């Protein structure tokens, strides 16, 4: 065989090797690109502009990512119940709804429970039978269990089972650990957000109790106006964060009455001009109470301006039309509705028909006319659905009335 023939054979071998390497490189580049894409999608899941973390959507994207990249037929993302420490499925692929509905893992029990309790990854590549063992008959090897570690506790588990390409290798374990770490970050942020929201609600409730101690009628009135705000806000398709802000405004709009003397606040007769001047201070007092709380500063504008009139003759600043914040205009209408349809020490409640007529009479003067009509449509719908909108729920549902 000539030297040239040997060279050509060696060159052919080298070309095949090069092509194989090129193929492997392209395969790895494709995997890297897919991984980068999946990670980029996961990193978008923080607290949304509405103030919420889309946990369900995140769980579904995470499961899809793991299912696609690791080519596993079965994937479950568990979350840890903070009260019981039990593990509950948040999202899954490859399991029947019946299996998921019955699935509840207790810390320390079975392979999943041990992984959660010990905060350690468990890899089972050998074929084993889990039937009847701690209720884990759904586990099919090979499987990989990765804990979601957050602030020294296990926020959940990622279970990956039945890979289509054979036992789990170190690369697969590293990828699973990456997804588990991202999931832990989101669940941790969600927990912190929920804790923050709980603390905020506790603060608002404490302020409401202060109103109740001063004036029980005002507190019950605030509860009702808050519920109506949510119904109207949803009808307007307002962002959840804005609805919540206006809810707080409805709940706390009379907080400034804490600073008004009982002789004036609880007077059964009509106020004198001097007493009315004192009463008009309650929006400014309310603003001062809320100002130190940064998350309630936007609510402060509702508290300050809920007595402004659409035609500019209200107080404290004589704002008119859309100069008045939307929340304040809405709370003012709902505030007036509830006041008119509730008993007061100085008068009995109006009928719903009379209250509707009064709102329409004052539309364009005291109230935003467009919001009045929107509010009355919501009231009509709620009543037809059997949802009470006043202190007294014994009246028949409203019939639509012409403007």
Protein backbone atom coordinates (compact mmCIF):
# COMPACT_ATOMS: atom_id res chain seq x y z
CA UNK A 1 0.00 0.00 0.00
CA UNK A 2 1.42 3.36 -0.96
CA UNK A 3 2.15 6.13 1.47
CA UNK A 4 -0.48 8.34 -0.14
CA UNK A 5 -3.13 5.68 0.37
CA UNK A 6 -2.28 5.50 4.11
CA UNK A 7 -2.51 9.27 4.37
CA UNK A 8 -5.90 9.28 2.64
CA UNK A 9 -7.20 6.65 5.10
CA UNK A 10 -5.87 8.62 8.06
CA UNK A 11 -7.42 11.78 6.67
CA UNK A 12 -10.75 9.96 6.25
CA UNK A 13 -10.59 8.76 9.87
CA UNK A 14 -9.74 12.25 11.05
CA UNK A 15 -12.63 13.68 9.03
CA UNK A 16 -15.05 11.20 10.58
CA UNK A 17 -13.72 12.05 14.05
CA UNK A 18 -14.00 15.74 13.26
CA UNK A 19 -17.55 15.28 12.03
CA UNK A 20 -18.40 13.32 15.16
CA UNK A 21 -16.87 16.04 17.32
CA UNK A 22 -18.73 18.68 15.34
CA UNK A 23 -21.96 16.77 15.87
CA UNK A 24 -21.30 16.44 19.58
CA UNK A 25 -20.40 20.13 19.79
CA UNK A 26 -23.60 21.15 18.02
CA UNK A 27 -25.58 18.84 20.29
CA UNK A 28 -23.99 20.38 23.40
CA UNK A 29 -24.49 23.90 22.02
CA UNK A 30 -28.14 23.06 21.42
CA UNK A 31 -28.50 21.79 24.98
CA UNK A 32 -26.74 24.88 26.32
CA UNK A 33 -29.02 27.14 24.30
CA UNK A 34 -32.13 25.32 25.53
CA UNK A 35 -30.87 25.47 29.10
CA UNK A 36 -30.14 29.19 28.79
CA UNK A 37 -33.61 29.73 27.40
CA UNK A 38 -35.29 27.77 30.18
CA UNK A 39 -33.23 29.51 32.88
CA UNK A 40 -34.03 32.89 31.34
CA UNK A 41 -37.74 32.02 31.53
CA UNK A 42 -37.42 30.95 35.16
CA UNK A 43 -35.54 34.12 36.11
CA UNK A 44 -38.49 36.22 34.98
CA UNK A 45 -40.59 34.88 37.83
CA UNK A 46 -40.20 37.43 40.58
CA UNK A 47 -42.86 39.62 42.16
CA UNK A 48 -45.04 40.84 39.29
CA UNK A 49 -46.18 44.46 38.73
CA UNK A 50 -49.48 43.48 40.39
CA UNK A 51 -47.63 42.65 43.57
CA UNK A 52 -48.08 38.92 43.19
CA UNK A 53 -45.76 36.04 42.46
CA UNK A 54 -47.29 33.73 39.81
CA UNK A 55 -46.39 30.53 41.69
CA UNK A 56 -48.68 28.23 39.71
CA UNK A 57 -47.36 29.50 36.37
CA UNK A 58 -43.77 29.25 37.60
CA UNK A 59 -44.31 25.66 38.76
CA UNK A 60 -45.70 24.68 35.36
CA UNK A 61 -42.78 26.28 33.49
CA UNK A 62 -40.28 24.61 35.82
CA UNK A 63 -41.86 21.19 35.29
CA UNK A 64 -41.92 21.69 31.52
CA UNK A 65 -38.24 22.71 31.57
CA UNK A 66 -37.14 19.69 33.59
CA UNK A 67 -39.30 17.35 31.52
CA UNK A 68 -37.79 18.63 28.27
CA UNK A 69 -34.13 18.97 29.25
CA UNK A 70 -33.76 15.80 31.31
CA UNK A 71 -36.14 13.79 29.12
CA UNK A 72 -37.91 12.35 32.13
CA UNK A 73 -41.38 10.87 31.86
CA UNK A 74 -42.35 11.77 35.42
CA UNK A 75 -41.67 15.06 37.24
CA UNK A 76 -43.24 16.51 40.38
CA UNK A 77 -42.54 19.80 42.12
CA UNK A 78 -43.51 19.59 45.81
CA UNK A 79 -43.91 22.56 48.10
CA UNK A 80 -43.60 22.38 51.88
CA UNK A 81 -46.61 23.36 53.96
CA UNK A 82 -45.09 25.80 56.50
CA UNK A 83 -47.54 24.75 59.22
CA UNK A 84 -47.39 20.93 58.99
CA UNK A 85 -44.10 20.54 57.04
CA UNK A 86 -45.91 18.05 54.81
CA UNK A 87 -44.96 18.06 51.14
CA UNK A 88 -47.76 18.76 48.65
CA UNK A 89 -47.58 18.57 44.85
CA UNK A 90 -47.54 22.01 43.20
CA UNK A 91 -47.24 20.79 39.59
CA UNK A 92 -46.53 17.47 37.87
CA UNK A 93 -46.08 15.57 34.61
CA UNK A 94 -46.64 11.86 34.06
CA UNK A 95 -48.92 11.21 37.06
CA UNK A 96 -52.67 10.71 37.09
CA UNK A 97 -54.87 13.35 38.77
CA UNK A 98 -56.06 10.66 41.19
CA UNK A 99 -52.49 9.90 42.29
CA UNK A 100 -51.75 13.59 42.80
CA UNK A 101 -54.96 14.20 44.76
CA UNK A 102 -53.94 11.50 47.27
CA UNK A 103 -50.29 12.47 47.40
CA UNK A 104 -49.08 13.90 50.69
CA UNK A 105 -45.55 13.28 51.92
CA UNK A 106 -44.63 13.62 55.58
CA UNK A 107 -41.18 14.80 56.56
CA UNK A 108 -38.89 11.91 57.48
CA UNK A 109 -41.10 9.20 55.96
CA UNK A 110 -40.01 7.28 52.85
CA UNK A 111 -37.41 8.38 50.34
CA UNK A 112 -39.11 11.73 49.71
CA UNK A 113 -39.60 12.46 53.40
CA UNK A 114 -35.97 11.57 54.17
CA UNK A 115 -34.72 13.85 51.39
CA UNK A 116 -36.77 16.71 52.85
CA UNK A 117 -35.74 16.05 56.45
CA UNK A 118 -32.06 15.57 55.67
CA UNK A 119 -31.96 18.25 52.96
CA UNK A 120 -29.94 15.83 50.81
CA UNK A 121 -30.24 14.76 47.18
CA UNK A 122 -31.22 11.11 46.68
CA UNK A 123 -30.33 9.27 43.46
CA UNK A 124 -31.80 5.81 42.87
CA UNK A 125 -30.62 4.33 39.58
CA UNK A 126 -31.16 0.69 40.52
CA UNK A 127 -34.48 -1.02 39.93
CA UNK A 128 -36.37 -1.35 43.22
CA UNK A 129 -39.93 -1.97 44.26
CA UNK A 130 -41.54 0.76 46.37
CA UNK A 131 -45.00 -0.77 46.42
CA UNK A 132 -46.56 -0.49 49.82
CA UNK A 133 -43.54 1.29 51.28
CA UNK A 134 -44.73 4.43 53.09
CA UNK A 135 -47.31 4.97 50.38
CA UNK A 136 -44.59 5.59 47.77
CA UNK A 137 -45.85 3.01 45.27
CA UNK A 138 -45.89 5.83 42.69
CA UNK A 139 -42.06 6.01 42.77
CA UNK A 140 -40.47 4.31 39.77
CA UNK A 141 -36.70 3.98 39.53
CA UNK A 142 -34.52 5.39 38.23
CA UNK A 143 -35.48 8.50 40.16
CA UNK A 144 -33.78 11.63 41.42
CA UNK A 145 -34.99 13.64 44.44
CA UNK A 146 -33.54 17.13 44.94
CA UNK A 147 -34.48 19.29 47.95
CA UNK A 148 -35.31 22.97 47.44
CA UNK A 149 -33.16 24.57 50.12
CA UNK A 150 -34.15 28.03 51.32
CA UNK A 151 -32.70 29.77 54.38
CA UNK A 152 -31.60 26.50 56.00
CA UNK A 153 -34.94 24.77 55.56
CA UNK A 154 -36.48 22.61 52.84
CA UNK A 155 -39.04 24.67 50.90
CA UNK A 156 -39.97 21.70 48.72
CA UNK A 157 -38.69 18.85 46.58
CA UNK A 158 -38.12 18.18 42.92
CA UNK A 159 -38.79 14.54 41.95
CA UNK A 160 -37.60 13.39 38.51
CA UNK A 161 -38.23 9.77 37.47
CA UNK A 162 -38.12 7.39 34.50
CA UNK A 163 -35.52 9.13 32.30
CA UNK A 164 -35.79 8.00 28.68
CA UNK A 165 -31.99 7.95 28.17
CA UNK A 166 -30.99 5.61 30.98
CA UNK A 167 -29.80 6.18 34.56
CA UNK A 168 -29.14 9.66 35.89
CA UNK A 169 -25.56 10.79 35.26
CA UNK A 170 -23.67 13.61 37.06
CA UNK A 171 -24.72 16.11 34.38
CA UNK A 172 -28.39 15.32 34.96
CA UNK A 173 -27.94 15.71 38.71
CA UNK A 174 -26.27 19.10 38.19
CA UNK A 175 -29.10 20.30 35.95
CA UNK A 176 -31.69 19.13 38.48
CA UNK A 177 -29.81 20.97 41.23
CA UNK A 178 -29.82 24.14 39.11
CA UNK A 179 -33.59 24.01 38.61
CA UNK A 180 -34.15 23.18 42.28
CA UNK A 181 -32.06 26.19 43.35
CA UNK A 182 -34.09 28.52 41.12
CA UNK A 183 -37.34 27.06 42.41
CA UNK A 184 -36.18 27.57 46.00
CA UNK A 185 -35.45 31.25 45.31
CA UNK A 186 -38.93 31.86 43.89
CA UNK A 187 -40.67 29.97 46.69
CA UNK A 188 -38.59 31.89 49.24
CA UNK A 189 -39.57 35.21 47.62
CA UNK A 190 -43.19 34.07 47.62
CA UNK A 191 -43.01 33.23 51.31
CA UNK A 192 -41.41 36.58 52.14
CA UNK A 193 -44.09 38.36 50.09
CA UNK A 194 -46.88 36.48 51.87
CA UNK A 195 -45.30 37.31 55.25
CA UNK A 196 -45.09 40.97 54.26
CA UNK A 197 -48.70 41.03 53.09
CA UNK A 198 -49.78 39.35 56.33
CA UNK A 199 -47.91 41.98 58.34
CA UNK A 200 -49.51 44.76 56.32
CA UNK A 201 -52.98 43.31 56.83
CA UNK A 202 -52.28 43.04 60.55
CA UNK A 203 -51.31 46.72 60.62
CA UNK A 204 -54.46 47.76 58.77
CA UNK A 205 -56.54 45.57 61.09
CA UNK A 206 -54.94 47.23 64.11
CA UNK A 207 -55.84 50.64 62.71
CA UNK A 208 -59.37 49.39 62.06
CA UNK A 209 -59.65 48.23 65.67
CA UNK A 210 -58.65 51.72 66.71
CA UNK A 211 -61.55 53.08 64.62
CA UNK A 212 -63.87 50.49 66.17
CA UNK A 213 -62.85 51.52 69.67
CA UNK A 214 -63.72 55.10 68.75
CA UNK A 215 -66.82 54.43 66.66
CA UNK A 216 -68.17 50.89 66.10
CA UNK A 217 -70.59 52.09 63.40
CA UNK A 218 -67.70 53.52 61.38
CA UNK A 219 -65.78 50.24 61.55
CA UNK A 220 -68.69 48.13 60.27
CA UNK A 221 -69.25 50.75 57.59
CA UNK A 222 -65.58 50.44 56.54
CA UNK A 223 -65.89 46.65 56.19
CA UNK A 224 -68.86 47.01 53.83
CA UNK A 225 -67.28 49.76 51.72
CA UNK A 226 -64.10 47.70 51.36
CA UNK A 227 -66.08 44.75 49.94
CA UNK A 228 -67.91 46.99 47.48
CA UNK A 229 -64.64 48.54 46.32
CA UNK A 230 -63.34 45.11 45.32
CA UNK A 231 -66.49 44.34 43.32
CA UNK A 232 -66.35 47.67 41.47
CA UNK A 233 -62.58 47.47 40.93
CA UNK A 234 -62.95 44.04 39.35
CA UNK A 235 -65.77 45.34 37.15
CA UNK A 236 -63.41 48.10 35.95
CA UNK A 237 -60.62 45.53 35.38
CA UNK A 238 -58.27 47.53 37.59
CA UNK A 239 -54.89 45.97 38.45
CA UNK A 240 -54.97 43.90 41.63
CA UNK A 241 -52.45 46.20 43.33
CA UNK A 242 -54.69 49.24 42.69
CA UNK A 243 -57.80 47.40 43.88
CA UNK A 244 -55.97 46.49 47.08
CA UNK A 245 -54.84 50.08 47.52
CA UNK A 246 -58.39 51.40 47.15
CA UNK A 247 -59.63 48.63 49.47
CA UNK A 248 -57.26 49.88 52.14
CA UNK A 249 -58.48 53.40 51.44
CA UNK A 250 -62.10 52.30 51.92
CA UNK A 251 -61.19 50.45 55.09
CA UNK A 252 -59.26 53.40 56.55
CA UNK A 253 -60.88 56.47 55.01
CA UNK A 254 -62.35 57.52 58.37
CA UNK A 255 -59.22 56.75 60.44
CA UNK A 256 -58.84 60.49 61.13
CA UNK A 257 -62.03 60.43 63.21
CA UNK A 258 -59.85 58.99 65.97
CA UNK A 259 -58.75 62.59 66.52
CA UNK A 260 -62.30 64.02 66.75
CA UNK A 261 -63.90 64.53 70.15
CA UNK A 262 -66.61 62.03 71.11
CA UNK A 263 -69.08 64.85 71.78
CA UNK A 264 -68.94 65.76 68.09
CA UNK A 265 -68.37 62.31 66.59
CA UNK A 266 -71.27 60.64 68.44
CA UNK A 267 -73.65 63.56 68.50
CA UNK A 268 -77.21 62.44 67.68
CA UNK A 269 -78.33 65.88 66.44
CA UNK A 270 -77.14 67.87 63.44
CA UNK A 271 -73.69 69.42 63.91
CA UNK A 272 -73.35 73.14 64.47
CA UNK A 273 -71.20 75.12 61.98
CA UNK A 274 -68.37 75.16 64.52
CA UNK A 275 -68.64 71.41 65.12
CA UNK A 276 -68.75 70.77 61.37
CA UNK A 277 -65.53 72.78 60.97
CA UNK A 278 -63.86 70.49 63.52
CA UNK A 279 -65.24 67.37 61.79
CA UNK A 280 -63.74 68.58 58.49
CA UNK A 281 -60.28 68.08 60.00
CA UNK A 282 -60.58 64.27 59.99
CA UNK A 283 -59.13 63.73 56.46
CA UNK A 284 -55.97 65.68 57.33
CA UNK A 285 -55.70 63.86 60.66
CA UNK A 286 -56.03 60.54 58.84
CA UNK A 287 -53.24 61.48 56.43
CA UNK A 288 -50.91 62.25 59.34
CA UNK A 289 -51.67 58.88 60.91
CA UNK A 290 -50.81 57.00 57.69
CA UNK A 291 -47.80 59.02 56.51
CA UNK A 292 -45.20 57.13 58.59
CA UNK A 293 -46.26 53.86 56.91
CA UNK A 294 -44.56 53.90 53.49
CA UNK A 295 -46.83 51.26 51.92
CA UNK A 296 -49.92 53.28 52.93
CA UNK A 297 -48.75 56.64 51.56
CA UNK A 298 -50.71 56.17 48.33
CA UNK A 299 -53.71 55.23 50.48
CA UNK A 300 -53.20 58.54 52.27
CA UNK A 301 -54.38 60.40 49.15
CA UNK A 302 -57.70 58.51 49.30
CA UNK A 303 -58.06 59.31 53.01
CA UNK A 304 -57.24 62.99 52.44
CA UNK A 305 -59.49 63.56 49.42
CA UNK A 306 -62.51 61.32 50.00
CA UNK A 307 -64.59 64.39 50.96
CA UNK A 308 -63.79 66.35 47.77
CA UNK A 309 -66.74 67.04 45.46
CA UNK A 310 -66.72 66.51 41.72
CA UNK A 311 -67.75 70.16 41.15
CA UNK A 312 -64.90 71.48 43.33
CA UNK A 313 -66.90 72.53 46.39
CA UNK A 314 -65.67 69.80 48.74
CA UNK A 315 -62.82 69.82 51.24
CA UNK A 316 -59.97 70.04 52.21
CA UNK A 317 -58.52 71.52 48.97
CA UNK A 318 -61.50 72.08 46.67
CA UNK A 319 -60.27 69.68 43.96
CA UNK A 320 -62.61 69.08 41.01
CA UNK A 321 -63.27 66.37 38.43
CA UNK A 322 -60.34 64.09 37.70
CA UNK A 323 -58.06 66.20 39.89
CA UNK A 324 -59.52 64.01 42.62
CA UNK A 325 -57.71 60.64 42.68
CA UNK A 326 -59.73 57.76 41.22
CA UNK A 327 -59.63 55.89 44.53
CA UNK A 328 -61.01 58.88 46.41
CA UNK A 329 -63.82 59.39 43.86
CA UNK A 330 -64.78 55.74 44.09
CA UNK A 331 -64.60 55.53 47.89
CA UNK A 332 -66.71 58.68 48.16
CA UNK A 333 -69.57 57.11 46.16
CA UNK A 334 -69.42 53.83 48.05
CA UNK A 335 -69.07 55.68 51.35
CA UNK A 336 -72.20 57.72 50.60
CA UNK A 337 -74.15 54.63 49.47
CA UNK A 338 -73.40 52.75 52.65
CA UNK A 339 -74.07 55.77 54.84
CA UNK A 340 -77.45 56.37 53.20
CA UNK A 341 -78.53 52.73 53.43
CA UNK A 342 -77.43 52.27 57.07
CA UNK A 343 -78.99 53.39 60.32
CA UNK A 344 -77.34 56.34 62.02
CA UNK A 345 -77.90 57.73 65.54
CA UNK A 346 -79.64 60.75 64.00
CA UNK A 347 -81.76 58.98 61.32
CA UNK A 348 -83.00 55.69 59.92
CA UNK A 349 -81.58 54.13 56.75
CA UNK A 350 -82.92 55.20 53.35
CA UNK A 351 -84.49 52.66 51.02
CA UNK A 352 -82.28 51.46 48.19
CA UNK A 353 -84.50 53.22 45.66
CA UNK A 354 -84.10 56.53 47.51
CA UNK A 355 -80.33 56.05 47.79
CA UNK A 356 -80.09 55.35 44.04
CA UNK A 357 -82.10 58.48 43.29
CA UNK A 358 -79.83 60.55 45.56
CA UNK A 359 -76.64 59.25 43.92
CA UNK A 360 -78.02 60.13 40.49
CA UNK A 361 -79.20 63.54 41.71
CA UNK A 362 -75.71 64.33 42.98
CA UNK A 363 -73.90 62.91 39.92
CA UNK A 364 -71.80 65.69 38.40
CA UNK A 365 -72.12 67.74 41.59
CA UNK A 366 -70.77 65.64 44.46
CA UNK A 367 -69.94 62.46 42.54
CA UNK A 368 -68.21 61.43 39.32
CA UNK A 369 -71.22 60.71 37.03
CA UNK A 370 -69.53 57.89 35.10
CA UNK A 371 -68.51 56.15 38.31
CA UNK A 372 -72.03 56.53 39.70
CA UNK A 373 -73.54 54.64 36.75
CA UNK A 374 -70.81 51.99 36.91
CA UNK A 375 -71.37 51.57 40.65
CA UNK A 376 -75.13 51.21 40.25
CA UNK A 377 -74.65 48.53 37.57
CA UNK A 378 -72.43 46.61 39.99
CA UNK A 379 -74.98 47.01 42.81
CA UNK A 380 -77.74 45.74 40.53
CA UNK A 381 -75.66 42.69 39.52
CA UNK A 382 -74.65 41.84 43.09
CA UNK A 383 -78.23 42.06 44.30
CA UNK A 384 -79.44 39.81 41.48
CA UNK A 385 -76.75 37.31 42.49
CA UNK A 386 -78.07 37.37 46.05
CA UNK A 387 -75.08 39.26 47.46
CA UNK A 388 -76.13 41.92 50.00
CA UNK A 389 -74.89 45.45 49.34
CA UNK A 390 -76.28 47.22 52.39
CA UNK A 391 -76.52 46.81 56.14
CA UNK A 392 -79.99 45.35 55.66
CA UNK A 393 -80.27 42.47 53.20
CA UNK A 394 -84.00 41.80 53.48
CA UNK A 395 -85.05 44.00 50.57
CA UNK A 396 -85.75 42.53 47.17
CA UNK A 397 -83.09 42.71 44.43
CA UNK A 398 -82.90 45.99 42.59
CA UNK A 399 -84.53 46.47 39.23
CA UNK A 400 -82.57 48.51 36.70
CA UNK A 401 -83.74 52.09 36.73
CA UNK A 402 -83.40 54.68 33.96
CA UNK A 403 -81.05 57.57 34.44
